[in-house]
Amino acid sequence: QVQLVESGGGLVQPGGSLRLSCTASGSIFSIDVMGWYRQAPGKQRERVALISRVGITNYVDSVKGRFTISRDNAKNTVYLQMNTLKPEDTAVYYCNQFPTVPDYWGQGTQVTVSS
């Protein structure tokens, strides 16, 4: 079973950037689609970005042009480069495959965008 550990979050000012990493304890090569998800306080978890094994990507409209998802199968790692961050991007960010597997949810990494 794969365990996923997210890192890279923090406090950043509006307009700033962060790069999140999701490292798997096992191989993600066999997982077709990996994704980043987020949950803001008082809101449901939402899908932010997806990437297939061959690099096809998909983004929620609110992050298009600002976020970039990538994966390195050799390093069992998925990344989320976040630029031009906005206060509404504040959330706990998680990675999981798509469709999600309940047992794969990790602790997430907190991203706070505030001046």
Protein backbone atom coordinates (compact mmCIF):
# COMPACT_ATOMS: atom_id res chain seq x y z
CA GLN A 1 0.00 0.00 0.00
CA VAL A 2 1.24 3.47 -0.88
CA GLN A 3 1.67 6.12 1.79
CA LEU A 4 1.71 9.74 0.68
CA VAL A 5 3.47 12.56 2.53
CA GLU A 6 2.88 16.17 1.57
CA SER A 7 5.33 18.99 2.27
CA GLY A 8 6.27 22.49 1.20
CA GLY A 9 3.42 24.52 2.61
CA GLY A 10 3.79 27.71 4.61
CA LEU A 11 2.80 31.32 5.02
CA VAL A 12 3.18 33.49 1.94
CA GLN A 13 2.05 36.95 0.93
CA PRO A 14 -0.47 37.45 -1.86
CA GLY A 15 1.29 37.22 -5.19
CA GLY A 16 3.93 34.89 -3.81
CA SER A 17 4.85 31.34 -4.78
CA LEU A 18 5.20 27.96 -3.15
CA ARG A 19 6.15 24.52 -4.40
CA LEU A 20 4.45 21.56 -2.79
CA SER A 21 5.80 18.01 -2.91
CA CYS A 22 4.03 14.72 -2.44
CA THR A 23 6.34 11.78 -1.86
CA ALA A 24 5.10 8.22 -1.97
CA SER A 25 6.51 5.40 0.10
CA GLY A 26 5.94 3.04 -2.80
CA SER A 27 6.00 3.30 -6.55
CA ILE A 28 3.52 5.65 -8.18
CA PHE A 29 4.49 4.51 -11.65
CA SER A 30 1.53 2.17 -11.81
CA ILE A 31 -0.90 4.85 -10.67
CA ASP A 32 -2.41 6.34 -13.81
CA VAL A 33 -3.66 9.64 -12.43
CA MET A 34 -2.32 11.52 -9.42
CA GLY A 35 -3.85 14.68 -8.06
CA TRP A 36 -3.64 17.55 -5.64
CA TYR A 37 -6.68 18.44 -3.56
CA ARG A 38 -7.34 21.14 -0.97
CA GLN A 39 -9.71 21.85 1.87
CA ALA A 40 -10.32 25.35 3.14
CA PRO A 41 -11.83 25.98 6.59
CA GLY A 42 -15.54 25.30 6.56
CA LYS A 43 -15.51 24.01 2.99
CA GLN A 44 -15.51 20.64 1.31
CA ARG A 45 -12.34 19.20 -0.11
CA GLU A 46 -11.95 20.08 -3.78
CA ARG A 47 -9.83 18.74 -6.58
CA VAL A 48 -7.19 21.24 -7.69
CA ALA A 49 -5.06 19.53 -10.34
CA LEU A 50 -4.57 16.12 -11.93
CA ILE A 51 -1.74 14.57 -13.92
CA SER A 52 -1.70 11.31 -15.80
CA ARG A 53 1.20 8.93 -15.96
CA VAL A 54 2.16 10.39 -19.34
CA GLY A 55 1.86 13.99 -18.24
CA ILE A 56 -1.61 15.04 -19.31
CA THR A 57 -2.86 17.66 -16.88
CA ASN A 58 -6.16 19.10 -15.75
CA TYR A 59 -6.87 22.05 -13.47
CA VAL A 60 -9.82 23.56 -11.68
CA ASP A 61 -10.70 26.88 -13.30
CA SER A 62 -9.68 28.96 -10.27
CA VAL A 63 -6.00 27.93 -10.55
CA LYS A 64 -5.54 27.73 -14.31
CA GLY A 65 -2.54 29.75 -15.42
CA ARG A 66 -1.21 29.99 -11.86
CA PHE A 67 -0.60 26.40 -10.72
CA THR A 68 1.43 23.69 -12.44
CA ILE A 69 1.31 20.02 -11.52
CA SER A 70 4.15 17.67 -12.43
CA ARG A 71 5.34 14.22 -11.49
CA ASP A 72 8.64 12.38 -11.34
CA ASN A 73 7.85 8.69 -11.43
CA ALA A 74 11.48 7.75 -10.79
CA LYS A 75 11.39 9.71 -7.53
CA ASN A 76 7.82 8.69 -6.68
CA THR A 77 7.00 12.35 -6.25
CA VAL A 78 4.27 14.68 -7.46
CA TYR A 79 4.74 18.45 -7.34
CA LEU A 80 2.46 21.46 -7.35
CA GLN A 81 4.07 24.76 -8.30
CA MET A 82 1.81 27.57 -7.13
CA ASN A 83 2.38 31.10 -8.41
CA THR A 84 0.49 34.36 -7.97
CA LEU A 85 -1.10 33.01 -4.82
CA LYS A 86 -4.32 34.58 -3.56
CA PRO A 87 -5.89 34.61 -0.08
CA GLU A 88 -8.59 32.27 -1.39
CA ASP A 89 -5.89 29.64 -2.02
CA THR A 90 -5.51 29.27 1.74
CA ALA A 91 -6.21 25.64 2.59
CA VAL A 92 -4.70 22.33 3.61
CA TYR A 93 -3.36 20.68 0.47
CA TYR A 94 -3.37 16.92 0.00
CA CYS A 95 -2.33 14.54 -2.71
CA ASN A 96 -4.04 11.32 -3.69
CA GLN A 97 -4.68 9.34 -6.79
CA PHE A 98 -7.75 9.93 -8.95
CA PRO A 99 -10.25 8.60 -8.20
CA THR A 100 -9.22 9.03 -4.59
CA VAL A 101 -8.44 6.14 -2.27
CA PRO A 102 -9.57 6.79 1.33
CA ASP A 103 -6.53 5.03 2.80
CA TYR A 104 -4.15 7.25 0.84
CA TRP A 105 -5.09 10.54 2.53
CA GLY A 106 -2.13 11.94 4.45
CA GLN A 107 -1.83 14.80 6.89
CA GLY A 108 -1.64 17.40 4.17
CA THR A 109 0.38 20.58 4.17
CA GLN A 110 -1.02 23.96 5.24
CA VAL A 111 -0.84 26.85 2.79
CA THR A 112 -1.73 30.27 4.15
CA VAL A 113 -1.81 33.31 1.88
CA SER A 114 -1.98 36.48 3.89
CA SER A 115 -0.37 39.87 4.18
